[in-house]
Amino acid sequence: EPTELAARMRAHVVAQHAAGDDAI
């Protein structure tokens, strides 16, 4: 489901960046 997939992508980027890490 595109909305759910986009939300998971956003959450991953936020978590990576909060840890000071790049998101790929």
PDBML (XML) file of the C-alpha atoms, coordinates in Angstrom:
<?xml version="1.0" encoding="UTF-8" ?>
<PDBx:datablock datablockName="MODEL"
   xmlns:PDBx="http://pdbml.pdb.org/schema/pdbx-v50.xsd"
   xmlns:xsi="http://www.w3.org/2001/XMLSchema-instance"
   xsi:schemaLocation="http://pdbml.pdb.org/schema/pdbx-v50.xsd pdbx-v50.xsd">
   <PDBx:atom_siteCategory>
      <PDBx:atom_site id="1">
         <PDBx:B_iso_or_equiv>0.00</PDBx:B_iso_or_equiv>
         <PDBx:Cartn_x>0.000</PDBx:Cartn_x>
         <PDBx:Cartn_y>0.000</PDBx:Cartn_y>
         <PDBx:Cartn_z>0.000</PDBx:Cartn_z>
         <PDBx:auth_asym_id>A</PDBx:auth_asym_id>
         <PDBx:auth_atom_id>CA</PDBx:auth_atom_id>
         <PDBx:auth_comp_id>GLU</PDBx:auth_comp_id>
         <PDBx:auth_seq_id>1</PDBx:auth_seq_id>
         <PDBx:group_PDB>ATOM</PDBx:group_PDB>
         <PDBx:label_alt_id xsi:nil="true" />
         <PDBx:label_asym_id>A</PDBx:label_asym_id>
         <PDBx:label_atom_id>CA</PDBx:label_atom_id>
         <PDBx:label_comp_id>GLU</PDBx:label_comp_id>
         <PDBx:label_entity_id>1</PDBx:label_entity_id>
         <PDBx:label_seq_id>1</PDBx:label_seq_id>
         <PDBx:occupancy>1.00</PDBx:occupancy>
         <PDBx:pdbx_PDB_model_num>1</PDBx:pdbx_PDB_model_num>
         <PDBx:type_symbol>C</PDBx:type_symbol>
      </PDBx:atom_site>
      <PDBx:atom_site id="2">
         <PDBx:B_iso_or_equiv>0.00</PDBx:B_iso_or_equiv>
         <PDBx:Cartn_x>1.793</PDBx:Cartn_x>
         <PDBx:Cartn_y>3.177</PDBx:Cartn_y>
         <PDBx:Cartn_z>-1.134</PDBx:Cartn_z>
         <PDBx:auth_asym_id>A</PDBx:auth_asym_id>
         <PDBx:auth_atom_id>CA</PDBx:auth_atom_id>
         <PDBx:auth_comp_id>PRO</PDBx:auth_comp_id>
         <PDBx:auth_seq_id>2</PDBx:auth_seq_id>
         <PDBx:group_PDB>ATOM</PDBx:group_PDB>
         <PDBx:label_alt_id xsi:nil="true" />
         <PDBx:label_asym_id>A</PDBx:label_asym_id>
         <PDBx:label_atom_id>CA</PDBx:label_atom_id>
         <PDBx:label_comp_id>PRO</PDBx:label_comp_id>
         <PDBx:label_entity_id>1</PDBx:label_entity_id>
         <PDBx:label_seq_id>2</PDBx:label_seq_id>
         <PDBx:occupancy>1.00</PDBx:occupancy>
         <PDBx:pdbx_PDB_model_num>1</PDBx:pdbx_PDB_model_num>
         <PDBx:type_symbol>C</PDBx:type_symbol>
      </PDBx:atom_site>
      <PDBx:atom_site id="3">
         <PDBx:B_iso_or_equiv>0.00</PDBx:B_iso_or_equiv>
         <PDBx:Cartn_x>0.864</PDBx:Cartn_x>
         <PDBx:Cartn_y>5.333</PDBx:Cartn_y>
         <PDBx:Cartn_z>1.881</PDBx:Cartn_z>
         <PDBx:auth_asym_id>A</PDBx:auth_asym_id>
         <PDBx:auth_atom_id>CA</PDBx:auth_atom_id>
         <PDBx:auth_comp_id>THR</PDBx:auth_comp_id>
         <PDBx:auth_seq_id>3</PDBx:auth_seq_id>
         <PDBx:group_PDB>ATOM</PDBx:group_PDB>
         <PDBx:label_alt_id xsi:nil="true" />
         <PDBx:label_asym_id>A</PDBx:label_asym_id>
         <PDBx:label_atom_id>CA</PDBx:label_atom_id>
         <PDBx:label_comp_id>THR</PDBx:label_comp_id>
         <PDBx:label_entity_id>1</PDBx:label_entity_id>
         <PDBx:label_seq_id>3</PDBx:label_seq_id>
         <PDBx:occupancy>1.00</PDBx:occupancy>
         <PDBx:pdbx_PDB_model_num>1</PDBx:pdbx_PDB_model_num>
         <PDBx:type_symbol>C</PDBx:type_symbol>
      </PDBx:atom_site>
      <PDBx:atom_site id="4">
         <PDBx:B_iso_or_equiv>0.00</PDBx:B_iso_or_equiv>
         <PDBx:Cartn_x>2.137</PDBx:Cartn_x>
         <PDBx:Cartn_y>2.695</PDBx:Cartn_y>
         <PDBx:Cartn_z>4.313</PDBx:Cartn_z>
         <PDBx:auth_asym_id>A</PDBx:auth_asym_id>
         <PDBx:auth_atom_id>CA</PDBx:auth_atom_id>
         <PDBx:auth_comp_id>GLU</PDBx:auth_comp_id>
         <PDBx:auth_seq_id>4</PDBx:auth_seq_id>
         <PDBx:group_PDB>ATOM</PDBx:group_PDB>
         <PDBx:label_alt_id xsi:nil="true" />
         <PDBx:label_asym_id>A</PDBx:label_asym_id>
         <PDBx:label_atom_id>CA</PDBx:label_atom_id>
         <PDBx:label_comp_id>GLU</PDBx:label_comp_id>
         <PDBx:label_entity_id>1</PDBx:label_entity_id>
         <PDBx:label_seq_id>4</PDBx:label_seq_id>
         <PDBx:occupancy>1.00</PDBx:occupancy>
         <PDBx:pdbx_PDB_model_num>1</PDBx:pdbx_PDB_model_num>
         <PDBx:type_symbol>C</PDBx:type_symbol>
      </PDBx:atom_site>
      <PDBx:atom_site id="5">
         <PDBx:B_iso_or_equiv>0.00</PDBx:B_iso_or_equiv>
         <PDBx:Cartn_x>5.315</PDBx:Cartn_x>
         <PDBx:Cartn_y>2.141</PDBx:Cartn_y>
         <PDBx:Cartn_z>2.276</PDBx:Cartn_z>
         <PDBx:auth_asym_id>A</PDBx:auth_asym_id>
         <PDBx:auth_atom_id>CA</PDBx:auth_atom_id>
         <PDBx:auth_comp_id>LEU</PDBx:auth_comp_id>
         <PDBx:auth_seq_id>5</PDBx:auth_seq_id>
         <PDBx:group_PDB>ATOM</PDBx:group_PDB>
         <PDBx:label_alt_id xsi:nil="true" />
         <PDBx:label_asym_id>A</PDBx:label_asym_id>
         <PDBx:label_atom_id>CA</PDBx:label_atom_id>
         <PDBx:label_comp_id>LEU</PDBx:label_comp_id>
         <PDBx:label_entity_id>1</PDBx:label_entity_id>
         <PDBx:label_seq_id>5</PDBx:label_seq_id>
         <PDBx:occupancy>1.00</PDBx:occupancy>
         <PDBx:pdbx_PDB_model_num>1</PDBx:pdbx_PDB_model_num>
         <PDBx:type_symbol>C</PDBx:type_symbol>
      </PDBx:atom_site>
      <PDBx:atom_site id="6">
         <PDBx:B_iso_or_equiv>0.00</PDBx:B_iso_or_equiv>
         <PDBx:Cartn_x>6.039</PDBx:Cartn_x>
         <PDBx:Cartn_y>5.900</PDBx:Cartn_y>
         <PDBx:Cartn_z>2.202</PDBx:Cartn_z>
         <PDBx:auth_asym_id>A</PDBx:auth_asym_id>
         <PDBx:auth_atom_id>CA</PDBx:auth_atom_id>
         <PDBx:auth_comp_id>ALA</PDBx:auth_comp_id>
         <PDBx:auth_seq_id>6</PDBx:auth_seq_id>
         <PDBx:group_PDB>ATOM</PDBx:group_PDB>
         <PDBx:label_alt_id xsi:nil="true" />
         <PDBx:label_asym_id>A</PDBx:label_asym_id>
         <PDBx:label_atom_id>CA</PDBx:label_atom_id>
         <PDBx:label_comp_id>ALA</PDBx:label_comp_id>
         <PDBx:label_entity_id>1</PDBx:label_entity_id>
         <PDBx:label_seq_id>6</PDBx:label_seq_id>
         <PDBx:occupancy>1.00</PDBx:occupancy>
         <PDBx:pdbx_PDB_model_num>1</PDBx:pdbx_PDB_model_num>
         <PDBx:type_symbol>C</PDBx:type_symbol>
      </PDBx:atom_site>
      <PDBx:atom_site id="7">
         <PDBx:B_iso_or_equiv>0.00</PDBx:B_iso_or_equiv>
         <PDBx:Cartn_x>5.480</PDBx:Cartn_x>
         <PDBx:Cartn_y>6.104</PDBx:Cartn_y>
         <PDBx:Cartn_z>5.968</PDBx:Cartn_z>
         <PDBx:auth_asym_id>A</PDBx:auth_asym_id>
         <PDBx:auth_atom_id>CA</PDBx:auth_atom_id>
         <PDBx:auth_comp_id>ALA</PDBx:auth_comp_id>
         <PDBx:auth_seq_id>7</PDBx:auth_seq_id>
         <PDBx:group_PDB>ATOM</PDBx:group_PDB>
         <PDBx:label_alt_id xsi:nil="true" />
         <PDBx:label_asym_id>A</PDBx:label_asym_id>
         <PDBx:label_atom_id>CA</PDBx:label_atom_id>
         <PDBx:label_comp_id>ALA</PDBx:label_comp_id>
         <PDBx:label_entity_id>1</PDBx:label_entity_id>
         <PDBx:label_seq_id>7</PDBx:label_seq_id>
         <PDBx:occupancy>1.00</PDBx:occupancy>
         <PDBx:pdbx_PDB_model_num>1</PDBx:pdbx_PDB_model_num>
         <PDBx:type_symbol>C</PDBx:type_symbol>
      </PDBx:atom_site>
      <PDBx:atom_site id="8">
         <PDBx:B_iso_or_equiv>0.00</PDBx:B_iso_or_equiv>
         <PDBx:Cartn_x>7.950</PDBx:Cartn_x>
         <PDBx:Cartn_y>3.258</PDBx:Cartn_y>
         <PDBx:Cartn_z>6.581</PDBx:Cartn_z>
         <PDBx:auth_asym_id>A</PDBx:auth_asym_id>
         <PDBx:auth_atom_id>CA</PDBx:auth_atom_id>
         <PDBx:auth_comp_id>ARG</PDBx:auth_comp_id>
         <PDBx:auth_seq_id>8</PDBx:auth_seq_id>
         <PDBx:group_PDB>ATOM</PDBx:group_PDB>
         <PDBx:label_alt_id xsi:nil="true" />
         <PDBx:label_asym_id>A</PDBx:label_asym_id>
         <PDBx:label_atom_id>CA</PDBx:label_atom_id>
         <PDBx:label_comp_id>ARG</PDBx:label_comp_id>
         <PDBx:label_entity_id>1</PDBx:label_entity_id>
         <PDBx:label_seq_id>8</PDBx:label_seq_id>
         <PDBx:occupancy>1.00</PDBx:occupancy>
         <PDBx:pdbx_PDB_model_num>1</PDBx:pdbx_PDB_model_num>
         <PDBx:type_symbol>C</PDBx:type_symbol>
      </PDBx:atom_site>
      <PDBx:atom_site id="9">
         <PDBx:B_iso_or_equiv>0.00</PDBx:B_iso_or_equiv>
         <PDBx:Cartn_x>10.488</PDBx:Cartn_x>
         <PDBx:Cartn_y>4.988</PDBx:Cartn_y>
         <PDBx:Cartn_z>4.351</PDBx:Cartn_z>
         <PDBx:auth_asym_id>A</PDBx:auth_asym_id>
         <PDBx:auth_atom_id>CA</PDBx:auth_atom_id>
         <PDBx:auth_comp_id>MET</PDBx:auth_comp_id>
         <PDBx:auth_seq_id>9</PDBx:auth_seq_id>
         <PDBx:group_PDB>ATOM</PDBx:group_PDB>
         <PDBx:label_alt_id xsi:nil="true" />
         <PDBx:label_asym_id>A</PDBx:label_asym_id>
         <PDBx:label_atom_id>CA</PDBx:label_atom_id>
         <PDBx:label_comp_id>MET</PDBx:label_comp_id>
         <PDBx:label_entity_id>1</PDBx:label_entity_id>
         <PDBx:label_seq_id>9</PDBx:label_seq_id>
         <PDBx:occupancy>1.00</PDBx:occupancy>
         <PDBx:pdbx_PDB_model_num>1</PDBx:pdbx_PDB_model_num>
         <PDBx:type_symbol>C</PDBx:type_symbol>
      </PDBx:atom_site>
      <PDBx:atom_site id="10">
         <PDBx:B_iso_or_equiv>0.00</PDBx:B_iso_or_equiv>
         <PDBx:Cartn_x>10.080</PDBx:Cartn_x>
         <PDBx:Cartn_y>8.259</PDBx:Cartn_y>
         <PDBx:Cartn_z>6.286</PDBx:Cartn_z>
         <PDBx:auth_asym_id>A</PDBx:auth_asym_id>
         <PDBx:auth_atom_id>CA</PDBx:auth_atom_id>
         <PDBx:auth_comp_id>ARG</PDBx:auth_comp_id>
         <PDBx:auth_seq_id>10</PDBx:auth_seq_id>
         <PDBx:group_PDB>ATOM</PDBx:group_PDB>
         <PDBx:label_alt_id xsi:nil="true" />
         <PDBx:label_asym_id>A</PDBx:label_asym_id>
         <PDBx:label_atom_id>CA</PDBx:label_atom_id>
         <PDBx:label_comp_id>ARG</PDBx:label_comp_id>
         <PDBx:label_entity_id>1</PDBx:label_entity_id>
         <PDBx:label_seq_id>10</PDBx:label_seq_id>
         <PDBx:occupancy>1.00</PDBx:occupancy>
         <PDBx:pdbx_PDB_model_num>1</PDBx:pdbx_PDB_model_num>
         <PDBx:type_symbol>C</PDBx:type_symbol>
      </PDBx:atom_site>
      <PDBx:atom_site id="11">
         <PDBx:B_iso_or_equiv>0.00</PDBx:B_iso_or_equiv>
         <PDBx:Cartn_x>10.412</PDBx:Cartn_x>
         <PDBx:Cartn_y>6.478</PDBx:Cartn_y>
         <PDBx:Cartn_z>9.639</PDBx:Cartn_z>
         <PDBx:auth_asym_id>A</PDBx:auth_asym_id>
         <PDBx:auth_atom_id>CA</PDBx:auth_atom_id>
         <PDBx:auth_comp_id>ALA</PDBx:auth_comp_id>
         <PDBx:auth_seq_id>11</PDBx:auth_seq_id>
         <PDBx:group_PDB>ATOM</PDBx:group_PDB>
         <PDBx:label_alt_id xsi:nil="true" />
         <PDBx:label_asym_id>A</PDBx:label_asym_id>
         <PDBx:label_atom_id>CA</PDBx:label_atom_id>
         <PDBx:label_comp_id>ALA</PDBx:label_comp_id>
         <PDBx:label_entity_id>1</PDBx:label_entity_id>
         <PDBx:label_seq_id>11</PDBx:label_seq_id>
         <PDBx:occupancy>1.00</PDBx:occupancy>
         <PDBx:pdbx_PDB_model_num>1</PDBx:pdbx_PDB_model_num>
         <PDBx:type_symbol>C</PDBx:type_symbol>
      </PDBx:atom_site>
      <PDBx:atom_site id="12">
         <PDBx:B_iso_or_equiv>0.00</PDBx:B_iso_or_equiv>
         <PDBx:Cartn_x>13.611</PDBx:Cartn_x>
         <PDBx:Cartn_y>4.778</PDBx:Cartn_y>
         <PDBx:Cartn_z>8.494</PDBx:Cartn_z>
         <PDBx:auth_asym_id>A</PDBx:auth_asym_id>
         <PDBx:auth_atom_id>CA</PDBx:auth_atom_id>
         <PDBx:auth_comp_id>HIS</PDBx:auth_comp_id>
         <PDBx:auth_seq_id>12</PDBx:auth_seq_id>
         <PDBx:group_PDB>ATOM</PDBx:group_PDB>
         <PDBx:label_alt_id xsi:nil="true" />
         <PDBx:label_asym_id>A</PDBx:label_asym_id>
         <PDBx:label_atom_id>CA</PDBx:label_atom_id>
         <PDBx:label_comp_id>HIS</PDBx:label_comp_id>
         <PDBx:label_entity_id>1</PDBx:label_entity_id>
         <PDBx:label_seq_id>12</PDBx:label_seq_id>
         <PDBx:occupancy>1.00</PDBx:occupancy>
         <PDBx:pdbx_PDB_model_num>1</PDBx:pdbx_PDB_model_num>
         <PDBx:type_symbol>C</PDBx:type_symbol>
      </PDBx:atom_site>
      <PDBx:atom_site id="13">
         <PDBx:B_iso_or_equiv>0.00</PDBx:B_iso_or_equiv>
         <PDBx:Cartn_x>15.177</PDBx:Cartn_x>
         <PDBx:Cartn_y>8.033</PDBx:Cartn_y>
         <PDBx:Cartn_z>7.318</PDBx:Cartn_z>
         <PDBx:auth_asym_id>A</PDBx:auth_asym_id>
         <PDBx:auth_atom_id>CA</PDBx:auth_atom_id>
         <PDBx:auth_comp_id>VAL</PDBx:auth_comp_id>
         <PDBx:auth_seq_id>13</PDBx:auth_seq_id>
         <PDBx:group_PDB>ATOM</PDBx:group_PDB>
         <PDBx:label_alt_id xsi:nil="true" />
         <PDBx:label_asym_id>A</PDBx:label_asym_id>
         <PDBx:label_atom_id>CA</PDBx:label_atom_id>
         <PDBx:label_comp_id>VAL</PDBx:label_comp_id>
         <PDBx:label_entity_id>1</PDBx:label_entity_id>
         <PDBx:label_seq_id>13</PDBx:label_seq_id>
         <PDBx:occupancy>1.00</PDBx:occupancy>
         <PDBx:pdbx_PDB_model_num>1</PDBx:pdbx_PDB_model_num>
         <PDBx:type_symbol>C</PDBx:type_symbol>
      </PDBx:atom_site>
      <PDBx:atom_site id="14">
         <PDBx:B_iso_or_equiv>0.00</PDBx:B_iso_or_equiv>
         <PDBx:Cartn_x>14.252</PDBx:Cartn_x>
         <PDBx:Cartn_y>9.782</PDBx:Cartn_y>
         <PDBx:Cartn_z>10.578</PDBx:Cartn_z>
         <PDBx:auth_asym_id>A</PDBx:auth_asym_id>
         <PDBx:auth_atom_id>CA</PDBx:auth_atom_id>
         <PDBx:auth_comp_id>VAL</PDBx:auth_comp_id>
         <PDBx:auth_seq_id>14</PDBx:auth_seq_id>
         <PDBx:group_PDB>ATOM</PDBx:group_PDB>
         <PDBx:label_alt_id xsi:nil="true" />
         <PDBx:label_asym_id>A</PDBx:label_asym_id>
         <PDBx:label_atom_id>CA</PDBx:label_atom_id>
         <PDBx:label_comp_id>VAL</PDBx:label_comp_id>
         <PDBx:label_entity_id>1</PDBx:label_entity_id>
         <PDBx:label_seq_id>14</PDBx:label_seq_id>
         <PDBx:occupancy>1.00</PDBx:occupancy>
         <PDBx:pdbx_PDB_model_num>1</PDBx:pdbx_PDB_model_num>
         <PDBx:type_symbol>C</PDBx:type_symbol>
      </PDBx:atom_site>
      <PDBx:atom_site id="15">
         <PDBx:B_iso_or_equiv>0.00</PDBx:B_iso_or_equiv>
         <PDBx:Cartn_x>15.761</PDBx:Cartn_x>
         <PDBx:Cartn_y>6.948</PDBx:Cartn_y>
         <PDBx:Cartn_z>12.650</PDBx:Cartn_z>
         <PDBx:auth_asym_id>A</PDBx:auth_asym_id>
         <PDBx:auth_atom_id>CA</PDBx:auth_atom_id>
         <PDBx:auth_comp_id>ALA</PDBx:auth_comp_id>
         <PDBx:auth_seq_id>15</PDBx:auth_seq_id>
         <PDBx:group_PDB>ATOM</PDBx:group_PDB>
         <PDBx:label_alt_id xsi:nil="true" />
         <PDBx:label_asym_id>A</PDBx:label_asym_id>
         <PDBx:label_atom_id>CA</PDBx:label_atom_id>
         <PDBx:label_comp_id>ALA</PDBx:label_comp_id>
         <PDBx:label_entity_id>1</PDBx:label_entity_id>
         <PDBx:label_seq_id>15</PDBx:label_seq_id>
         <PDBx:occupancy>1.00</PDBx:occupancy>
         <PDBx:pdbx_PDB_model_num>1</PDBx:pdbx_PDB_model_num>
         <PDBx:type_symbol>C</PDBx:type_symbol>
      </PDBx:atom_site>
      <PDBx:atom_site id="16">
         <PDBx:B_iso_or_equiv>0.00</PDBx:B_iso_or_equiv>
         <PDBx:Cartn_x>18.956</PDBx:Cartn_x>
         <PDBx:Cartn_y>6.826</PDBx:Cartn_y>
         <PDBx:Cartn_z>10.576</PDBx:Cartn_z>
         <PDBx:auth_asym_id>A</PDBx:auth_asym_id>
         <PDBx:auth_atom_id>CA</PDBx:auth_atom_id>
         <PDBx:auth_comp_id>GLN</PDBx:auth_comp_id>
         <PDBx:auth_seq_id>16</PDBx:auth_seq_id>
         <PDBx:group_PDB>ATOM</PDBx:group_PDB>
         <PDBx:label_alt_id xsi:nil="true" />
         <PDBx:label_asym_id>A</PDBx:label_asym_id>
         <PDBx:label_atom_id>CA</PDBx:label_atom_id>
         <PDBx:label_comp_id>GLN</PDBx:label_comp_id>
         <PDBx:label_entity_id>1</PDBx:label_entity_id>
         <PDBx:label_seq_id>16</PDBx:label_seq_id>
         <PDBx:occupancy>1.00</PDBx:occupancy>
         <PDBx:pdbx_PDB_model_num>1</PDBx:pdbx_PDB_model_num>
         <PDBx:type_symbol>C</PDBx:type_symbol>
      </PDBx:atom_site>
      <PDBx:atom_site id="17">
         <PDBx:B_iso_or_equiv>0.00</PDBx:B_iso_or_equiv>
         <PDBx:Cartn_x>19.447</PDBx:Cartn_x>
         <PDBx:Cartn_y>10.581</PDBx:Cartn_y>
         <PDBx:Cartn_z>10.683</PDBx:Cartn_z>
         <PDBx:auth_asym_id>A</PDBx:auth_asym_id>
         <PDBx:auth_atom_id>CA</PDBx:auth_atom_id>
         <PDBx:auth_comp_id>HIS</PDBx:auth_comp_id>
         <PDBx:auth_seq_id>17</PDBx:auth_seq_id>
         <PDBx:group_PDB>ATOM</PDBx:group_PDB>
         <PDBx:label_alt_id xsi:nil="true" />
         <PDBx:label_asym_id>A</PDBx:label_asym_id>
         <PDBx:label_atom_id>CA</PDBx:label_atom_id>
         <PDBx:label_comp_id>HIS</PDBx:label_comp_id>
         <PDBx:label_entity_id>1</PDBx:label_entity_id>
         <PDBx:label_seq_id>17</PDBx:label_seq_id>
         <PDBx:occupancy>1.00</PDBx:occupancy>
         <PDBx:pdbx_PDB_model_num>1</PDBx:pdbx_PDB_model_num>
         <PDBx:type_symbol>C</PDBx:type_symbol>
      </PDBx:atom_site>
      <PDBx:atom_site id="18">
         <PDBx:B_iso_or_equiv>0.00</PDBx:B_iso_or_equiv>
         <PDBx:Cartn_x>18.683</PDBx:Cartn_x>
         <PDBx:Cartn_y>10.746</PDBx:Cartn_y>
         <PDBx:Cartn_z>14.424</PDBx:Cartn_z>
         <PDBx:auth_asym_id>A</PDBx:auth_asym_id>
         <PDBx:auth_atom_id>CA</PDBx:auth_atom_id>
         <PDBx:auth_comp_id>ALA</PDBx:auth_comp_id>
         <PDBx:auth_seq_id>18</PDBx:auth_seq_id>
         <PDBx:group_PDB>ATOM</PDBx:group_PDB>
         <PDBx:label_alt_id xsi:nil="true" />
         <PDBx:label_asym_id>A</PDBx:label_asym_id>
         <PDBx:label_atom_id>CA</PDBx:label_atom_id>
         <PDBx:label_comp_id>ALA</PDBx:label_comp_id>
         <PDBx:label_entity_id>1</PDBx:label_entity_id>
         <PDBx:label_seq_id>18</PDBx:label_seq_id>
         <PDBx:occupancy>1.00</PDBx:occupancy>
         <PDBx:pdbx_PDB_model_num>1</PDBx:pdbx_PDB_model_num>
         <PDBx:type_symbol>C</PDBx:type_symbol>
      </PDBx:atom_site>
      <PDBx:atom_site id="19">
         <PDBx:B_iso_or_equiv>0.00</PDBx:B_iso_or_equiv>
         <PDBx:Cartn_x>21.539</PDBx:Cartn_x>
         <PDBx:Cartn_y>8.278</PDBx:Cartn_y>
         <PDBx:Cartn_z>14.929</PDBx:Cartn_z>
         <PDBx:auth_asym_id>A</PDBx:auth_asym_id>
         <PDBx:auth_atom_id>CA</PDBx:auth_atom_id>
         <PDBx:auth_comp_id>ALA</PDBx:auth_comp_id>
         <PDBx:auth_seq_id>19</PDBx:auth_seq_id>
         <PDBx:group_PDB>ATOM</PDBx:group_PDB>
         <PDBx:label_alt_id xsi:nil="true" />
         <PDBx:label_asym_id>A</PDBx:label_asym_id>
         <PDBx:label_atom_id>CA</PDBx:label_atom_id>
         <PDBx:label_comp_id>ALA</PDBx:label_comp_id>
         <PDBx:label_entity_id>1</PDBx:label_entity_id>
         <PDBx:label_seq_id>19</PDBx:label_seq_id>
         <PDBx:occupancy>1.00</PDBx:occupancy>
         <PDBx:pdbx_PDB_model_num>1</PDBx:pdbx_PDB_model_num>
         <PDBx:type_symbol>C</PDBx:type_symbol>
      </PDBx:atom_site>
      <PDBx:atom_site id="20">
         <PDBx:B_iso_or_equiv>0.00</PDBx:B_iso_or_equiv>
         <PDBx:Cartn_x>23.789</PDBx:Cartn_x>
         <PDBx:Cartn_y>10.432</PDBx:Cartn_y>
         <PDBx:Cartn_z>12.720</PDBx:Cartn_z>
         <PDBx:auth_asym_id>A</PDBx:auth_asym_id>
         <PDBx:auth_atom_id>CA</PDBx:auth_atom_id>
         <PDBx:auth_comp_id>GLY</PDBx:auth_comp_id>
         <PDBx:auth_seq_id>20</PDBx:auth_seq_id>
         <PDBx:group_PDB>ATOM</PDBx:group_PDB>
         <PDBx:label_alt_id xsi:nil="true" />
         <PDBx:label_asym_id>A</PDBx:label_asym_id>
         <PDBx:label_atom_id>CA</PDBx:label_atom_id>
         <PDBx:label_comp_id>GLY</PDBx:label_comp_id>
         <PDBx:label_entity_id>1</PDBx:label_entity_id>
         <PDBx:label_seq_id>20</PDBx:label_seq_id>
         <PDBx:occupancy>1.00</PDBx:occupancy>
         <PDBx:pdbx_PDB_model_num>1</PDBx:pdbx_PDB_model_num>
         <PDBx:type_symbol>C</PDBx:type_symbol>
      </PDBx:atom_site>
      <PDBx:atom_site id="21">
         <PDBx:B_iso_or_equiv>0.00</PDBx:B_iso_or_equiv>
         <PDBx:Cartn_x>23.801</PDBx:Cartn_x>
         <PDBx:Cartn_y>7.808</PDBx:Cartn_y>
         <PDBx:Cartn_z>9.962</PDBx:Cartn_z>
         <PDBx:auth_asym_id>A</PDBx:auth_asym_id>
         <PDBx:auth_atom_id>CA</PDBx:auth_atom_id>
         <PDBx:auth_comp_id>ASP</PDBx:auth_comp_id>
         <PDBx:auth_seq_id>21</PDBx:auth_seq_id>
         <PDBx:group_PDB>ATOM</PDBx:group_PDB>
         <PDBx:label_alt_id xsi:nil="true" />
         <PDBx:label_asym_id>A</PDBx:label_asym_id>
         <PDBx:label_atom_id>CA</PDBx:label_atom_id>
         <PDBx:label_comp_id>ASP</PDBx:label_comp_id>
         <PDBx:label_entity_id>1</PDBx:label_entity_id>
         <PDBx:label_seq_id>21</PDBx:label_seq_id>
         <PDBx:occupancy>1.00</PDBx:occupancy>
         <PDBx:pdbx_PDB_model_num>1</PDBx:pdbx_PDB_model_num>
         <PDBx:type_symbol>C</PDBx:type_symbol>
      </PDBx:atom_site>
      <PDBx:atom_site id="22">
         <PDBx:B_iso_or_equiv>0.00</PDBx:B_iso_or_equiv>
         <PDBx:Cartn_x>23.096</PDBx:Cartn_x>
         <PDBx:Cartn_y>8.010</PDBx:Cartn_y>
         <PDBx:Cartn_z>6.249</PDBx:Cartn_z>
         <PDBx:auth_asym_id>A</PDBx:auth_asym_id>
         <PDBx:auth_atom_id>CA</PDBx:auth_atom_id>
         <PDBx:auth_comp_id>ASP</PDBx:auth_comp_id>
         <PDBx:auth_seq_id>22</PDBx:auth_seq_id>
         <PDBx:group_PDB>ATOM</PDBx:group_PDB>
         <PDBx:label_alt_id xsi:nil="true" />
         <PDBx:label_asym_id>A</PDBx:label_asym_id>
         <PDBx:label_atom_id>CA</PDBx:label_atom_id>
         <PDBx:label_comp_id>ASP</PDBx:label_comp_id>
         <PDBx:label_entity_id>1</PDBx:label_entity_id>
         <PDBx:label_seq_id>22</PDBx:label_seq_id>
         <PDBx:occupancy>1.00</PDBx:occupancy>
         <PDBx:pdbx_PDB_model_num>1</PDBx:pdbx_PDB_model_num>
         <PDBx:type_symbol>C</PDBx:type_symbol>
      </PDBx:atom_site>
      <PDBx:atom_site id="23">
         <PDBx:B_iso_or_equiv>0.00</PDBx:B_iso_or_equiv>
         <PDBx:Cartn_x>19.945</PDBx:Cartn_x>
         <PDBx:Cartn_y>6.365</PDBx:Cartn_y>
         <PDBx:Cartn_z>4.896</PDBx:Cartn_z>
         <PDBx:auth_asym_id>A</PDBx:auth_asym_id>
         <PDBx:auth_atom_id>CA</PDBx:auth_atom_id>
         <PDBx:auth_comp_id>ALA</PDBx:auth_comp_id>
         <PDBx:auth_seq_id>23</PDBx:auth_seq_id>
         <PDBx:group_PDB>ATOM</PDBx:group_PDB>
         <PDBx:label_alt_id xsi:nil="true" />
         <PDBx:label_asym_id>A</PDBx:label_asym_id>
         <PDBx:label_atom_id>CA</PDBx:label_atom_id>
         <PDBx:label_comp_id>ALA</PDBx:label_comp_id>
         <PDBx:label_entity_id>1</PDBx:label_entity_id>
         <PDBx:label_seq_id>23</PDBx:label_seq_id>
         <PDBx:occupancy>1.00</PDBx:occupancy>
         <PDBx:pdbx_PDB_model_num>1</PDBx:pdbx_PDB_model_num>
         <PDBx:type_symbol>C</PDBx:type_symbol>
      </PDBx:atom_site>
      <PDBx:atom_site id="24">
         <PDBx:B_iso_or_equiv>0.00</PDBx:B_iso_or_equiv>
         <PDBx:Cartn_x>20.211</PDBx:Cartn_x>
         <PDBx:Cartn_y>4.225</PDBx:Cartn_y>
         <PDBx:Cartn_z>1.764</PDBx:Cartn_z>
         <PDBx:auth_asym_id>A</PDBx:auth_asym_id>
         <PDBx:auth_atom_id>CA</PDBx:auth_atom_id>
         <PDBx:auth_comp_id>ILE</PDBx:auth_comp_id>
         <PDBx:auth_seq_id>24</PDBx:auth_seq_id>
         <PDBx:group_PDB>ATOM</PDBx:group_PDB>
         <PDBx:label_alt_id xsi:nil="true" />
         <PDBx:label_asym_id>A</PDBx:label_asym_id>
         <PDBx:label_atom_id>CA</PDBx:label_atom_id>
         <PDBx:label_comp_id>ILE</PDBx:label_comp_id>
         <PDBx:label_entity_id>1</PDBx:label_entity_id>
         <PDBx:label_seq_id>24</PDBx:label_seq_id>
         <PDBx:occupancy>1.00</PDBx:occupancy>
         <PDBx:pdbx_PDB_model_num>1</PDBx:pdbx_PDB_model_num>
         <PDBx:type_symbol>C</PDBx:type_symbol>
      </PDBx:atom_site>
   </PDBx:atom_siteCategory>
</PDBx:datablock>
